[in-house]
Amino acid sequence: MQVDPRGQRFAAALTTLVLALALATGDPRILGFQALVFGIAVVVGVRYSPYALVFSALVRPRLGPPGETEDARPPRFAQGVGLAFAVLGLVGYLAGPQWLGVAATALALFAAFLNAAFGFCAGCEAYLLVRRMTATGTAR
């Protein structure tokens, strides 16, 4: 399945805002909301995630069709990485230590910001690296 890369950057921008709010307030409910968004993207695919649906309904019609599309597997993997960091952050905020919640949320925020601002998807790059390593038999 192919996805519009502009939608992925839009989702990253919303994710950046939500994670910044979660980090600024320390409110685990906000981080829990973002974890839910990540989880939906992992389970049903990035094309049907809440942020992608907002992009498809409100933004994409104003932009027109994309000039290019990309494989949905790397962004879906990246959403899984985001989910892992969000869950780790929730554990830190809810059960301690508090610094774990802050650190995990900050790392997820940094990755989302890189994608939103510069189009660099760290989770996507990790997916491609893992694929290359397993394809050549160098992964151990």
C-alpha atoms as a PDB file:
ATOM      1  CA  MET A   1       0.000   0.000   0.000  1.00  0.00           C
ATOM      2  CA  GLN A   2       1.198   3.486  -0.831  1.00  0.00           C
ATOM      3  CA  VAL A   3       0.653   6.657   1.214  1.00  0.00           C
ATOM      4  CA  ASP A   4       0.984  10.374   0.614  1.00  0.00           C
ATOM      5  CA  PRO A   5       4.220  11.538   2.280  1.00  0.00           C
ATOM      6  CA  ARG A   6       2.630  14.934   2.934  1.00  0.00           C
ATOM      7  CA  GLY A   7       0.115  13.168   5.153  1.00  0.00           C
ATOM      8  CA  GLN A   8       2.948  11.573   7.110  1.00  0.00           C
ATOM      9  CA  ARG A   9       4.533  14.974   7.747  1.00  0.00           C
ATOM     10  CA  PHE A  10       1.135  16.397   8.731  1.00  0.00           C
ATOM     11  CA  ALA A  11       0.699  13.538  11.210  1.00  0.00           C
ATOM     12  CA  ALA A  12       4.208  14.157  12.519  1.00  0.00           C
ATOM     13  CA  ALA A  13       3.365  17.834  13.042  1.00  0.00           C
ATOM     14  CA  LEU A  14       0.244  16.964  15.043  1.00  0.00           C
ATOM     15  CA  THR A  15       2.219  14.359  16.965  1.00  0.00           C
ATOM     16  CA  THR A  16       4.864  16.987  17.733  1.00  0.00           C
ATOM     17  CA  LEU A  17       2.223  19.313  19.156  1.00  0.00           C
ATOM     18  CA  VAL A  18       0.587  16.596  21.257  1.00  0.00           C
ATOM     19  CA  LEU A  19       3.892  15.283  22.601  1.00  0.00           C
ATOM     20  CA  ALA A  20       5.121  18.809  23.374  1.00  0.00           C
ATOM     21  CA  LEU A  21       1.941  19.397  25.353  1.00  0.00           C
ATOM     22  CA  ALA A  22       2.371  16.071  27.148  1.00  0.00           C
ATOM     23  CA  LEU A  23       5.969  16.915  28.008  1.00  0.00           C
ATOM     24  CA  ALA A  24       5.164  20.471  29.112  1.00  0.00           C
ATOM     25  CA  THR A  25       2.313  19.401  31.373  1.00  0.00           C
ATOM     26  CA  GLY A  26       3.500  15.958  32.446  1.00  0.00           C
ATOM     27  CA  ASP A  27      -0.103  14.811  31.956  1.00  0.00           C
ATOM     28  CA  PRO A  28      -0.172  11.080  31.223  1.00  0.00           C
ATOM     29  CA  ARG A  29      -3.664  11.397  29.690  1.00  0.00           C
ATOM     30  CA  ILE A  30      -2.243  13.445  26.831  1.00  0.00           C
ATOM     31  CA  LEU A  31       0.538  10.927  26.299  1.00  0.00           C
ATOM     32  CA  GLY A  32      -2.070   8.156  26.521  1.00  0.00           C
ATOM     33  CA  PHE A  33      -4.057   9.838  23.748  1.00  0.00           C
ATOM     34  CA  GLN A  34      -0.969   9.904  21.538  1.00  0.00           C
ATOM     35  CA  ALA A  35      -0.232   6.275  22.389  1.00  0.00           C
ATOM     36  CA  LEU A  36      -3.754   5.426  21.238  1.00  0.00           C
ATOM     37  CA  VAL A  37      -3.176   7.280  17.948  1.00  0.00           C
ATOM     38  CA  PHE A  38       0.096   5.382  17.453  1.00  0.00           C
ATOM     39  CA  GLY A  39      -1.647   2.093  18.265  1.00  0.00           C
ATOM     40  CA  ILE A  40      -4.434   2.691  15.765  1.00  0.00           C
ATOM     41  CA  ALA A  41      -1.876   3.449  13.048  1.00  0.00           C
ATOM     42  CA  VAL A  42      -0.027   0.228  13.829  1.00  0.00           C
ATOM     43  CA  VAL A  43      -3.154  -1.940  13.885  1.00  0.00           C
ATOM     44  CA  VAL A  44      -5.165  -0.527  10.975  1.00  0.00           C
ATOM     45  CA  GLY A  45      -2.362   1.139   9.014  1.00  0.00           C
ATOM     46  CA  VAL A  46      -1.095   4.690   8.715  1.00  0.00           C
ATOM     47  CA  ARG A  47      -3.573   5.475   5.974  1.00  0.00           C
ATOM     48  CA  TYR A  48      -6.462   5.025   8.409  1.00  0.00           C
ATOM     49  CA  SER A  49      -4.940   6.567  11.523  1.00  0.00           C
ATOM     50  CA  PRO A  50      -6.836   9.462  13.102  1.00  0.00           C
ATOM     51  CA  TYR A  51      -4.331  12.061  11.888  1.00  0.00           C
ATOM     52  CA  ALA A  52      -4.341  10.620   8.363  1.00  0.00           C
ATOM     53  CA  LEU A  53      -8.121  10.813   8.272  1.00  0.00           C
ATOM     54  CA  VAL A  54      -7.966  14.490   9.267  1.00  0.00           C
ATOM     55  CA  PHE A  55      -5.361  15.081   6.549  1.00  0.00           C
ATOM     56  CA  SER A  56      -7.454  13.268   3.936  1.00  0.00           C
ATOM     57  CA  ALA A  57     -10.634  15.141   4.809  1.00  0.00           C
ATOM     58  CA  LEU A  58      -9.353  18.650   5.461  1.00  0.00           C
ATOM     59  CA  VAL A  59      -5.888  19.167   3.994  1.00  0.00           C
ATOM     60  CA  ARG A  60      -5.323  16.952   0.986  1.00  0.00           C
ATOM     61  CA  PRO A  61      -8.352  18.267  -0.961  1.00  0.00           C
ATOM     62  CA  ARG A  62      -6.740  21.725  -0.831  1.00  0.00           C
ATOM     63  CA  LEU A  63      -3.354  20.410  -1.983  1.00  0.00           C
ATOM     64  CA  GLY A  64      -4.403  18.096  -4.790  1.00  0.00           C
ATOM     65  CA  PRO A  65      -2.922  14.689  -5.517  1.00  0.00           C
ATOM     66  CA  PRO A  66       0.616  13.967  -4.377  1.00  0.00           C
ATOM     67  CA  GLY A  67       3.497  14.157  -6.805  1.00  0.00           C
ATOM     68  CA  GLU A  68       4.783  10.907  -5.369  1.00  0.00           C
ATOM     69  CA  THR A  69       3.752   8.247  -2.890  1.00  0.00           C
ATOM     70  CA  GLU A  70       5.726   6.033  -0.549  1.00  0.00           C
ATOM     71  CA  ASP A  71       5.486   2.533   0.829  1.00  0.00           C
ATOM     72  CA  ALA A  72       3.324   2.466   3.977  1.00  0.00           C
ATOM     73  CA  ARG A  73       5.440  -0.173   5.755  1.00  0.00           C
ATOM     74  CA  PRO A  74       8.256   2.111   7.001  1.00  0.00           C
ATOM     75  CA  PRO A  75       5.862   4.737   8.454  1.00  0.00           C
ATOM     76  CA  ARG A  76       3.794   1.978  10.055  1.00  0.00           C
ATOM     77  CA  PHE A  77       6.934   0.588  11.673  1.00  0.00           C
ATOM     78  CA  ALA A  78       7.801   4.115  12.825  1.00  0.00           C
ATOM     79  CA  GLN A  79       4.377   4.400  14.447  1.00  0.00           C
ATOM     80  CA  GLY A  80       5.161   1.176  16.312  1.00  0.00           C
ATOM     81  CA  VAL A  81       8.406   2.689  17.564  1.00  0.00           C
ATOM     82  CA  GLY A  82       6.479   5.774  18.641  1.00  0.00           C
ATOM     83  CA  LEU A  83       3.988   3.541  20.428  1.00  0.00           C
ATOM     84  CA  ALA A  84       6.813   1.804  22.297  1.00  0.00           C
ATOM     85  CA  PHE A  85       8.222   5.141  23.468  1.00  0.00           C
ATOM     86  CA  ALA A  86       4.769   6.398  24.444  1.00  0.00           C
ATOM     87  CA  VAL A  87       4.062   3.254  26.473  1.00  0.00           C
ATOM     88  CA  LEU A  88       7.463   3.538  28.130  1.00  0.00           C
ATOM     89  CA  GLY A  89       6.661   7.173  28.901  1.00  0.00           C
ATOM     90  CA  LEU A  90       3.327   6.191  30.393  1.00  0.00           C
ATOM     91  CA  VAL A  91       5.032   3.638  32.611  1.00  0.00           C
ATOM     92  CA  GLY A  92       7.404   6.334  33.831  1.00  0.00           C
ATOM     93  CA  TYR A  93       4.683   8.893  34.475  1.00  0.00           C
ATOM     94  CA  LEU A  94       2.261   6.463  36.120  1.00  0.00           C
ATOM     95  CA  ALA A  95       4.536   4.048  37.987  1.00  0.00           C
ATOM     96  CA  GLY A  96       7.859   5.823  38.072  1.00  0.00           C
ATOM     97  CA  PRO A  97      10.491   6.817  37.789  1.00  0.00           C
ATOM     98  CA  GLN A  98       9.265  10.202  36.576  1.00  0.00           C
ATOM     99  CA  TRP A  99      12.454  10.800  34.583  1.00  0.00           C
ATOM    100  CA  LEU A 100      11.598   7.777  32.433  1.00  0.00           C
ATOM    101  CA  GLY A 101       8.312   9.390  31.419  1.00  0.00           C
ATOM    102  CA  VAL A 102      10.059  12.638  30.602  1.00  0.00           C
ATOM    103  CA  ALA A 103      12.914  10.992  28.686  1.00  0.00           C
ATOM    104  CA  ALA A 104      10.719   8.657  26.630  1.00  0.00           C
ATOM    105  CA  THR A 105       8.299  11.458  25.768  1.00  0.00           C
ATOM    106  CA  ALA A 106      11.167  13.787  24.846  1.00  0.00           C
ATOM    107  CA  LEU A 107      12.730  11.180  22.539  1.00  0.00           C
ATOM    108  CA  ALA A 108       9.413  10.566  20.801  1.00  0.00           C
ATOM    109  CA  LEU A 109       8.927  14.329  20.499  1.00  0.00           C
ATOM    110  CA  PHE A 110      12.380  14.751  18.966  1.00  0.00           C
ATOM    111  CA  ALA A 111      11.695  12.035  16.366  1.00  0.00           C
ATOM    112  CA  ALA A 112       8.297  13.502  15.484  1.00  0.00           C
ATOM    113  CA  PHE A 113       9.810  16.985  15.166  1.00  0.00           C
ATOM    114  CA  LEU A 114      12.536  15.716  12.818  1.00  0.00           C
ATOM    115  CA  ASN A 115       9.868  14.266  10.557  1.00  0.00           C
ATOM    116  CA  ALA A 116       7.567  17.282  10.710  1.00  0.00           C
ATOM    117  CA  ALA A 117      10.257  19.917  10.203  1.00  0.00           C
ATOM    118  CA  PHE A 118      12.759  18.175   7.947  1.00  0.00           C
ATOM    119  CA  GLY A 119      10.996  15.136   6.501  1.00  0.00           C
ATOM    120  CA  PHE A 120      13.451  12.805   8.255  1.00  0.00           C
ATOM    121  CA  CYS A 121      11.634   9.781   9.644  1.00  0.00           C
ATOM    122  CA  ALA A 122      14.000   8.051  12.070  1.00  0.00           C
ATOM    123  CA  GLY A 123      11.658   5.075  12.495  1.00  0.00           C
ATOM    124  CA  CYS A 124      11.390   4.693   8.715  1.00  0.00           C
ATOM    125  CA  GLU A 125      15.168   4.700   8.424  1.00  0.00           C
ATOM    126  CA  ALA A 126      15.380   2.090  11.188  1.00  0.00           C
ATOM    127  CA  TYR A 127      12.878  -0.065   9.295  1.00  0.00           C
ATOM    128  CA  LEU A 128      14.960   0.155   6.113  1.00  0.00           C
ATOM    129  CA  LEU A 129      18.152  -0.639   8.021  1.00  0.00           C
ATOM    130  CA  VAL A 130      16.584  -3.712   9.607  1.00  0.00           C
ATOM    131  CA  ARG A 131      15.279  -4.843   6.207  1.00  0.00           C
ATOM    132  CA  ARG A 132      18.725  -4.467   4.631  1.00  0.00           C
ATOM    133  CA  MET A 133      20.408  -6.300   7.486  1.00  0.00           C
ATOM    134  CA  THR A 134      17.973  -9.204   7.431  1.00  0.00           C
ATOM    135  CA  ALA A 135      18.008  -9.405   3.621  1.00  0.00           C
ATOM    136  CA  THR A 136      21.787  -9.856   3.563  1.00  0.00           C
ATOM    137  CA  GLY A 137      21.867 -12.195   6.524  1.00  0.00           C
ATOM    138  CA  THR A 138      24.027  -9.878   8.620  1.00  0.00           C
ATOM    139  CA  ALA A 139      21.530  -9.491  11.455  1.00  0.00           C
ATOM    140  CA  ARG A 140      22.384 -11.648  14.457  1.00  0.00           C
END
